């Protein structure tokens, strides 16, 4: 699989626990202009079920299952381990994510843009750029039998970290000779079962929400959507309250798409904030999400918003705020993570510690928040490398 993530964590599981930074699925593609096959259509020659075990550097392990229809559609499920129950489905048009530990548990992205589409490759052709990224300077070593099929072995040189791949030492991989499916990754992931033409349920690749499921940003229990947001989420507090410059404090922001993004959803656990413009947030999410595992640590966006000069409403009037939020949400589009509307930078002023300075709408800020609410790192996105971000996220607690 082509993956944007860190090798220190689980290689296969990590790739589907994020929305990747570049659009489309690499490698083998469906024919030009052809429609996606339905879940009940004739079985394609590259429909496969793969099961395996991933182990991280700390000795933790998770088992997983991937059902892939070529590189066109997939369903990944974490079967055991700390993220058991998580799954992700891509049908070629929409992405459905389910995380039993999050609220809301479901997230669905229809027709994702380039910054939100999953970038996954299960089947490779050796003459493609995707294969070169997976296995630099590949040298054929011969064949062997794996899972009852003939597989071709390759030696791969060291992989340098990039937007497409994590860094990996020189290793040996193996591809199914007939289809190009990767059967050995040469990483901490071990494939234990491969079944071609498996019997699957009709809804395996369905991205429709289950009846009654809510995919919007949920309102915390006991809170009403009819009450005005906290003052800190609408107007800059006159004295900053009790929030120190090195901690996030509480926030409750109108969410893009409805509901609220609320600090109570992240209390007591580490998380990452991306603050900036809509395009800036999408770009940063494309970098950050592949570095997380099963949505942990969670990533949330603060969309910096300055009300229009001709706006006649008041940020202290809940109805005015709701109307303004609805208008901005329509123009903001969709995101691969919850995003709240941070009017006048009222929630993100703590990044700089100076509430009197208007937010810089041209800058994107990444803030890593520890479980006690203090900032582990706050940095302009353009000034931090992916390597540093991966290390910081791995150390966040």
Protein backbone atom coordinates (compact mmCIF):
# COMPACT_ATOMS: atom_id res chain seq x y z
CA UNK A 1 0.00 0.00 0.00
CA UNK A 2 1.12 3.50 -0.65
CA UNK A 3 1.04 5.20 2.70
CA UNK A 4 1.60 8.60 4.19
CA UNK A 5 2.46 7.78 7.79
CA UNK A 6 5.24 6.85 10.14
CA UNK A 7 7.02 3.55 10.10
CA UNK A 8 7.45 3.54 13.87
CA UNK A 9 3.75 2.90 14.14
CA UNK A 10 1.78 0.23 12.37
CA UNK A 11 2.46 0.46 8.65
CA UNK A 12 -0.68 -1.04 7.15
CA UNK A 13 -3.20 0.01 9.78
CA UNK A 14 -1.89 3.57 9.84
CA UNK A 15 -2.52 4.20 6.17
CA UNK A 16 -6.26 3.83 6.38
CA UNK A 17 -6.60 5.64 9.67
CA UNK A 18 -6.04 8.95 7.95
CA UNK A 19 -7.16 10.89 4.94
CA UNK A 20 -4.09 11.32 2.75
CA UNK A 21 -2.63 14.51 1.38
CA UNK A 22 -2.94 13.75 -2.33
CA UNK A 23 -6.02 12.68 -4.21
CA UNK A 24 -6.89 9.42 -5.92
CA UNK A 25 -5.72 5.86 -5.58
CA UNK A 26 -2.36 5.09 -7.13
CA UNK A 27 -1.29 2.08 -9.12
CA UNK A 28 -3.92 0.04 -10.89
CA UNK A 29 -7.00 2.02 -11.79
CA UNK A 30 -10.40 1.21 -13.19
CA UNK A 31 -10.84 1.68 -16.91
CA UNK A 32 -11.33 5.16 -18.30
CA UNK A 33 -14.93 6.21 -18.09
CA UNK A 34 -16.08 2.90 -16.65
CA UNK A 35 -18.52 2.79 -13.76
CA UNK A 36 -17.56 1.39 -10.40
CA UNK A 37 -18.73 -2.21 -9.97
CA UNK A 38 -21.54 -2.68 -7.48
CA UNK A 39 -21.13 -4.76 -4.34
CA UNK A 40 -23.25 -7.48 -5.92
CA UNK A 41 -21.64 -7.50 -9.38
CA UNK A 42 -19.47 -10.27 -10.80
CA UNK A 43 -16.37 -10.80 -8.70
CA UNK A 44 -13.39 -8.96 -10.17
CA UNK A 45 -10.15 -10.90 -10.70
CA UNK A 46 -8.40 -8.79 -8.06
CA UNK A 47 -10.99 -8.91 -5.27
CA UNK A 48 -9.05 -10.03 -2.21
CA UNK A 49 -9.29 -10.32 1.57
CA UNK A 50 -6.04 -9.85 3.48
CA UNK A 51 -5.56 -10.38 7.19
CA UNK A 52 -2.49 -9.66 9.23
CA UNK A 53 -0.90 -8.38 12.41
CA UNK A 54 0.82 -5.02 12.92
CA UNK A 55 3.36 -4.42 15.68
CA UNK A 56 4.67 -1.04 16.77
CA UNK A 57 8.03 -0.12 18.28
CA UNK A 58 6.63 -0.39 21.81
CA UNK A 59 5.54 -3.99 21.29
CA UNK A 60 1.85 -3.23 20.92
CA UNK A 61 0.03 -5.22 18.27
CA UNK A 62 -3.23 -5.10 16.38
CA UNK A 63 -4.78 -7.49 13.91
CA UNK A 64 -6.55 -6.15 10.85
CA UNK A 65 -8.53 -7.15 7.80
CA UNK A 66 -8.51 -5.47 4.41
CA UNK A 67 -11.02 -6.30 1.69
CA UNK A 68 -9.94 -4.65 -1.55
CA UNK A 69 -11.51 -4.52 -4.98
CA UNK A 70 -8.28 -3.81 -6.81
CA UNK A 71 -7.19 -0.29 -6.05
CA UNK A 72 -10.73 0.92 -6.70
CA UNK A 73 -12.51 0.24 -3.40
CA UNK A 74 -11.50 -1.03 0.01
CA UNK A 75 -12.71 -1.74 3.52
CA UNK A 76 -10.20 -1.85 6.39
CA UNK A 77 -11.18 -3.09 9.84
CA UNK A 78 -9.07 -3.26 12.99
CA UNK A 79 -10.01 -6.60 14.56
CA UNK A 80 -8.05 -6.65 17.82
CA UNK A 81 -5.88 -4.30 19.83
CA UNK A 82 -6.37 -0.85 21.27
CA UNK A 83 -8.20 0.37 18.16
CA UNK A 84 -10.45 -2.70 17.75
CA UNK A 85 -13.68 -1.91 15.98
CA UNK A 86 -12.34 0.95 13.88
CA UNK A 87 -13.10 0.68 10.18
CA UNK A 88 -12.83 2.74 7.03
CA UNK A 89 -14.57 2.26 3.68
CA UNK A 90 -13.80 3.88 0.34
CA UNK A 91 -16.15 3.20 -2.58
CA UNK A 92 -14.36 5.38 -5.12
CA UNK A 93 -16.67 8.33 -4.51
CA UNK A 94 -17.22 8.64 -0.77
CA UNK A 95 -15.21 7.87 2.36
CA UNK A 96 -16.83 6.48 5.53
CA UNK A 97 -14.91 6.34 8.81
CA UNK A 98 -16.11 4.72 12.02
CA UNK A 99 -14.31 5.13 15.33
CA UNK A 100 -16.14 3.73 18.38
CA UNK A 101 -14.13 5.99 20.69
CA UNK A 102 -15.03 9.28 19.00
CA UNK A 103 -18.13 11.46 19.11
CA UNK A 104 -19.61 11.38 16.57
CA UNK A 105 -18.54 7.84 15.77
CA UNK A 106 -19.14 8.19 12.04
CA UNK A 107 -17.65 10.59 9.54
CA UNK A 108 -18.63 10.53 5.88
CA UNK A 109 -16.99 12.59 3.14
CA UNK A 110 -18.81 12.74 -0.20
CA UNK A 111 -16.71 13.38 -3.32
CA UNK A 112 -13.61 14.35 -1.31
CA UNK A 113 -11.20 16.84 -2.81
CA UNK A 114 -7.56 16.21 -3.50
CA UNK A 115 -6.61 17.00 0.08
CA UNK A 116 -9.11 14.49 1.49
CA UNK A 117 -9.05 11.47 -0.83
CA UNK A 118 -7.41 8.28 0.42
CA UNK A 119 -4.16 7.48 -1.37
CA UNK A 120 -3.92 3.70 -1.11
CA UNK A 121 -2.31 1.11 -3.34
CA UNK A 122 -2.73 -2.61 -2.69
CA UNK A 123 -1.80 -3.91 -6.16
CA UNK A 124 1.35 -2.74 -7.94
CA UNK A 125 2.80 -2.83 -11.42
CA UNK A 126 6.57 -2.81 -11.37
CA UNK A 127 6.83 -0.16 -14.10
CA UNK A 128 4.98 2.52 -12.13
CA UNK A 129 6.05 5.43 -9.95
CA UNK A 130 4.05 3.93 -7.08
CA UNK A 131 6.18 0.79 -7.13
CA UNK A 132 9.38 2.84 -7.22
CA UNK A 133 8.19 4.67 -4.10
CA UNK A 134 7.38 1.38 -2.38
CA UNK A 135 10.57 -0.37 -3.47
CA UNK A 136 13.39 1.95 -4.61
CA UNK A 137 15.95 0.40 -6.97
CA UNK A 138 14.02 -2.89 -6.93
CA UNK A 139 16.01 -6.03 -7.71
CA UNK A 140 14.17 -9.24 -8.53
CA UNK A 141 15.34 -12.08 -6.30
CA UNK A 142 13.28 -14.96 -7.64
CA UNK A 143 9.97 -16.51 -6.69
CA UNK A 144 8.41 -18.36 -3.80
CA UNK A 145 5.02 -19.81 -2.92
CA UNK A 146 2.89 -17.75 -0.54
CA UNK A 147 -0.67 -18.60 0.45
CA UNK A 148 -0.79 -21.15 -2.35
CA UNK A 149 0.19 -18.63 -5.04
CA UNK A 150 3.39 -17.82 -6.88
CA UNK A 151 4.96 -14.63 -5.55
CA UNK A 152 7.91 -12.60 -6.84
CA UNK A 153 10.52 -11.44 -4.33
CA UNK A 154 12.25 -8.06 -4.60
CA UNK A 155 15.08 -6.38 -2.73
CA UNK A 156 14.31 -2.72 -1.99
CA UNK A 157 16.80 -0.02 -1.10
CA UNK A 158 16.22 2.27 1.87
CA UNK A 159 13.12 4.43 1.57
CA UNK A 160 13.62 8.08 2.49
CA UNK A 161 10.71 9.78 4.20
CA UNK A 162 8.49 11.74 1.80
CA UNK A 163 4.89 12.84 1.34
CA UNK A 164 4.19 9.43 -0.19
CA UNK A 165 6.09 7.02 2.06
CA UNK A 166 7.60 6.77 5.55
CA UNK A 167 11.30 6.09 5.89
CA UNK A 168 12.18 2.39 5.86
CA UNK A 169 15.44 0.48 5.91
CA UNK A 170 16.44 -1.75 3.01
CA UNK A 171 14.16 -4.77 3.00
CA UNK A 172 12.64 -7.60 0.98
CA UNK A 173 9.06 -7.58 -0.26
CA UNK A 174 6.97 -10.04 -2.25
CA UNK A 175 4.21 -9.45 -4.81
CA UNK A 176 1.65 -11.90 -6.12
CA UNK A 177 2.91 -12.70 -9.62
CA UNK A 178 -0.53 -12.65 -11.24
CA UNK A 179 -2.08 -9.53 -9.71
CA UNK A 180 0.73 -7.52 -8.08
CA UNK A 181 -0.81 -7.72 -4.60
CA UNK A 182 1.77 -7.07 -1.90
CA UNK A 183 2.02 -10.22 0.24
CA UNK A 184 5.18 -9.31 2.18
CA UNK A 185 5.87 -5.70 3.12
CA UNK A 186 9.18 -6.27 4.86
CA UNK A 187 8.02 -4.11 7.75
CA UNK A 188 6.59 -4.81 11.19
CA UNK A 189 3.37 -5.95 9.52
CA UNK A 190 2.95 -9.65 8.88
CA UNK A 191 0.31 -10.89 6.44
CA UNK A 192 -1.23 -14.07 7.84
CA UNK A 193 -4.00 -14.80 5.33
CA UNK A 194 -4.73 -13.96 1.69
CA UNK A 195 -7.98 -15.04 0.02
CA UNK A 196 -8.75 -14.17 -3.59
CA UNK A 197 -12.39 -14.05 -4.74
CA UNK A 198 -13.70 -14.18 -1.16
CA UNK A 199 -17.39 -14.34 -0.39
CA UNK A 200 -18.31 -10.89 0.92
CA UNK A 201 -21.47 -9.17 2.11
CA UNK A 202 -23.40 -7.05 -0.36
CA UNK A 203 -22.74 -3.92 1.70
CA UNK A 204 -19.00 -4.48 2.17
CA UNK A 205 -18.11 -1.35 0.20
CA UNK A 206 -21.15 0.67 1.18
CA UNK A 207 -20.43 4.12 2.53
CA UNK A 208 -24.02 4.84 3.52
CA UNK A 209 -24.53 5.69 7.17
CA UNK A 210 -26.34 3.04 9.23
CA UNK A 211 -29.93 3.95 10.18
CA UNK A 212 -29.92 6.49 12.99
CA UNK A 213 -26.19 7.20 12.77
CA UNK A 214 -25.06 10.80 13.09
CA UNK A 215 -22.02 11.91 11.14
CA UNK A 216 -22.16 15.58 12.12
CA UNK A 217 -20.18 17.09 14.98
CA UNK A 218 -22.13 16.00 18.03
CA UNK A 219 -23.32 18.29 20.79
CA UNK A 220 -21.99 17.06 24.16
CA UNK A 221 -24.55 15.40 26.39
CA UNK A 222 -26.39 17.82 28.63
CA UNK A 223 -25.75 20.84 26.42
CA UNK A 224 -28.35 22.47 24.21
CA UNK A 225 -27.74 23.85 20.75
CA UNK A 226 -30.17 26.65 21.60
CA UNK A 227 -27.90 28.35 24.09
CA UNK A 228 -25.26 30.86 22.95
CA UNK A 229 -21.69 29.64 22.55
CA UNK A 230 -19.23 30.45 25.29
CA UNK A 231 -18.07 34.05 25.18
CA UNK A 232 -14.54 32.94 24.41
CA UNK A 233 -15.75 31.36 21.18
CA UNK A 234 -17.48 34.52 19.93
CA UNK A 235 -15.88 37.62 21.41
CA UNK A 236 -12.36 37.98 22.75
CA UNK A 237 -12.62 37.75 26.57
CA UNK A 238 -11.96 41.13 28.19
CA UNK A 239 -9.36 39.75 30.54
CA UNK A 240 -8.62 36.28 29.17
CA UNK A 241 -10.24 34.60 32.16
CA UNK A 242 -8.06 32.07 33.91
CA UNK A 243 -6.48 30.71 30.72
CA UNK A 244 -2.70 30.84 30.71
CA UNK A 245 -0.81 31.49 27.46
CA UNK A 246 0.67 27.97 27.54
CA UNK A 247 -2.64 26.11 27.76
CA UNK A 248 -5.67 25.76 25.54
CA UNK A 249 -8.39 26.26 28.12
CA UNK A 250 -12.03 25.59 27.18
CA UNK A 251 -13.61 26.30 23.82
CA UNK A 252 -16.98 25.79 22.18
CA UNK A 253 -17.10 26.71 18.51
CA UNK A 254 -19.85 26.51 15.94
CA UNK A 255 -18.80 23.63 13.71
CA UNK A 256 -18.63 23.62 9.95
CA UNK A 257 -21.62 21.53 8.93
CA UNK A 258 -23.57 22.12 12.14
CA UNK A 259 -23.26 21.38 15.84
CA UNK A 260 -20.28 22.41 17.91
CA UNK A 261 -16.61 21.62 18.32
CA UNK A 262 -16.19 21.52 22.08
CA UNK A 263 -13.19 21.17 24.37
CA UNK A 264 -15.08 18.63 26.49
CA UNK A 265 -14.67 16.12 23.66
CA UNK A 266 -10.88 16.32 24.06
CA UNK A 267 -10.53 16.79 27.81
CA UNK A 268 -7.98 14.52 29.43
CA UNK A 269 -6.40 13.31 26.20
CA UNK A 270 -3.82 14.72 23.81
CA UNK A 271 -4.97 16.26 20.56
CA UNK A 272 -3.76 18.46 17.72
CA UNK A 273 -5.18 21.81 16.59
CA UNK A 274 -4.76 23.34 13.15
CA UNK A 275 -5.74 27.02 12.95
CA UNK A 276 -5.92 29.06 9.76
CA UNK A 277 -7.84 29.51 6.55
CA UNK A 278 -9.94 26.75 4.99
CA UNK A 279 -7.32 25.89 2.36
CA UNK A 280 -4.55 26.11 4.93
CA UNK A 281 -6.36 23.73 7.26
CA UNK A 282 -6.92 21.22 4.45
CA UNK A 283 -3.25 21.28 3.52
CA UNK A 284 -2.18 20.82 7.14
CA UNK A 285 -4.67 17.98 7.65
CA UNK A 286 -3.16 16.28 4.64
CA UNK A 287 0.17 16.29 6.46
CA UNK A 288 -1.07 15.49 9.96
CA UNK A 289 -3.80 12.86 9.59
CA UNK A 290 -1.53 10.18 8.12
CA UNK A 291 0.71 10.61 11.17
CA UNK A 292 -2.10 9.63 13.53
CA UNK A 293 -3.34 6.10 14.20
CA UNK A 294 -7.06 5.34 14.31
CA UNK A 295 -7.70 9.02 14.83
CA UNK A 296 -5.38 9.20 17.82
CA UNK A 297 -4.38 11.77 18.69
CA UNK A 298 -7.49 13.44 17.26
CA UNK A 299 -7.01 16.48 15.05
CA UNK A 300 -9.38 19.45 15.10
CA UNK A 301 -9.41 22.59 13.00
CA UNK A 302 -9.97 26.19 14.09
CA UNK A 303 -11.14 28.08 11.00
CA UNK A 304 -10.15 31.69 11.58
CA UNK A 305 -13.04 33.94 10.59
CA UNK A 306 -13.43 37.72 10.56
CA UNK A 307 -17.07 38.78 10.13
CA UNK A 308 -17.64 40.84 6.96
CA UNK A 309 -17.31 44.59 7.43
CA UNK A 310 -20.91 45.09 6.32
CA UNK A 311 -22.25 42.44 8.69
CA UNK A 312 -24.97 43.94 10.89
CA UNK A 313 -25.17 41.14 13.43
CA UNK A 314 -23.51 40.67 16.81
CA UNK A 315 -21.29 37.83 17.95
CA UNK A 316 -23.08 38.02 21.29
CA UNK A 317 -26.42 37.20 19.67
CA UNK A 318 -26.80 33.42 19.23
CA UNK A 319 -29.20 33.78 16.29
CA UNK A 320 -26.81 36.12 14.48
CA UNK A 321 -23.93 33.74 15.13
CA UNK A 322 -25.89 30.75 13.85
CA UNK A 323 -26.83 32.57 10.65
CA UNK A 324 -23.27 33.71 10.06
CA UNK A 325 -21.93 30.22 10.81
CA UNK A 326 -24.35 28.65 8.35
CA UNK A 327 -23.28 31.07 5.63
CA UNK A 328 -19.59 30.48 6.24
CA UNK A 329 -20.05 26.70 6.38
CA UNK A 330 -21.50 26.68 2.87
CA UNK A 331 -18.47 28.43 1.43
CA UNK A 332 -15.92 26.55 3.56
CA UNK A 333 -16.73 23.12 2.12
CA UNK A 334 -15.93 19.82 3.80
CA UNK A 335 -12.94 18.76 5.87
CA UNK A 336 -11.42 15.44 6.86
CA UNK A 337 -11.62 16.35 10.56
CA UNK A 338 -13.96 18.37 12.79
CA UNK A 339 -13.51 22.10 12.18
CA UNK A 340 -14.89 24.90 14.33
CA UNK A 341 -15.41 28.53 13.36
CA UNK A 342 -13.03 30.65 15.41
CA UNK A 343 -14.50 34.14 15.10
CA UNK A 344 -11.82 36.82 15.47
CA UNK A 345 -9.39 34.19 16.73
CA UNK A 346 -11.16 34.17 20.10
CA UNK A 347 -10.13 30.57 20.81
CA UNK A 348 -6.70 30.53 19.17
CA UNK A 349 -5.34 33.72 20.71
CA UNK A 350 -3.69 31.52 23.32
CA UNK A 351 -1.23 30.30 20.67
CA UNK A 352 0.50 33.68 20.81
CA UNK A 353 -0.60 34.70 24.29
CA UNK A 354 -1.68 38.13 23.04
CA UNK A 355 -5.45 38.50 22.71
CA UNK A 356 -5.14 42.07 21.42
CA UNK A 357 -3.50 41.08 18.15
CA UNK A 358 -5.97 40.26 15.32
CA UNK A 359 -5.48 36.77 13.87
CA UNK A 360 -3.22 36.44 10.84
CA UNK A 361 -5.51 34.80 8.30
CA UNK A 362 -2.56 34.06 6.01
CA UNK A 363 -0.76 31.89 8.56
CA UNK A 364 -1.55 28.30 9.52
CA UNK A 365 -0.63 27.31 13.06
CA UNK A 366 -0.23 23.77 14.36
CA UNK A 367 -0.59 23.26 18.12
CA UNK A 368 -0.02 19.95 19.89
CA UNK A 369 -1.94 19.82 23.16
CA UNK A 370 -0.92 17.41 25.93
CA UNK A 371 -3.49 15.49 27.96
CA UNK A 372 -3.29 18.08 30.75
CA UNK A 373 -4.31 20.86 28.36
CA UNK A 374 -0.88 22.47 28.06
CA UNK A 375 0.83 23.08 24.74
CA UNK A 376 3.59 20.64 23.89
CA UNK A 377 4.41 22.50 20.67
CA UNK A 378 3.01 25.52 18.84
CA UNK A 379 4.48 26.32 15.43
CA UNK A 380 3.65 27.90 12.09
CA UNK A 381 2.93 25.02 9.72
CA UNK A 382 5.37 26.29 7.11
CA UNK A 383 8.25 26.24 9.59
CA UNK A 384 8.02 22.62 10.76
CA UNK A 385 9.14 19.51 8.89
CA UNK A 386 7.12 16.33 8.57
CA UNK A 387 9.87 14.49 10.45
CA UNK A 388 9.51 16.79 13.45
CA UNK A 389 5.73 16.53 13.36
CA UNK A 390 5.91 12.74 13.35
CA UNK A 391 8.28 12.74 16.31
CA UNK A 392 6.16 15.23 18.24
CA UNK A 393 2.95 13.31 17.64
CA UNK A 394 4.60 10.04 18.65
CA UNK A 395 5.74 11.63 21.91
CA UNK A 396 2.47 13.41 22.65
CA UNK A 397 0.78 12.20 25.84
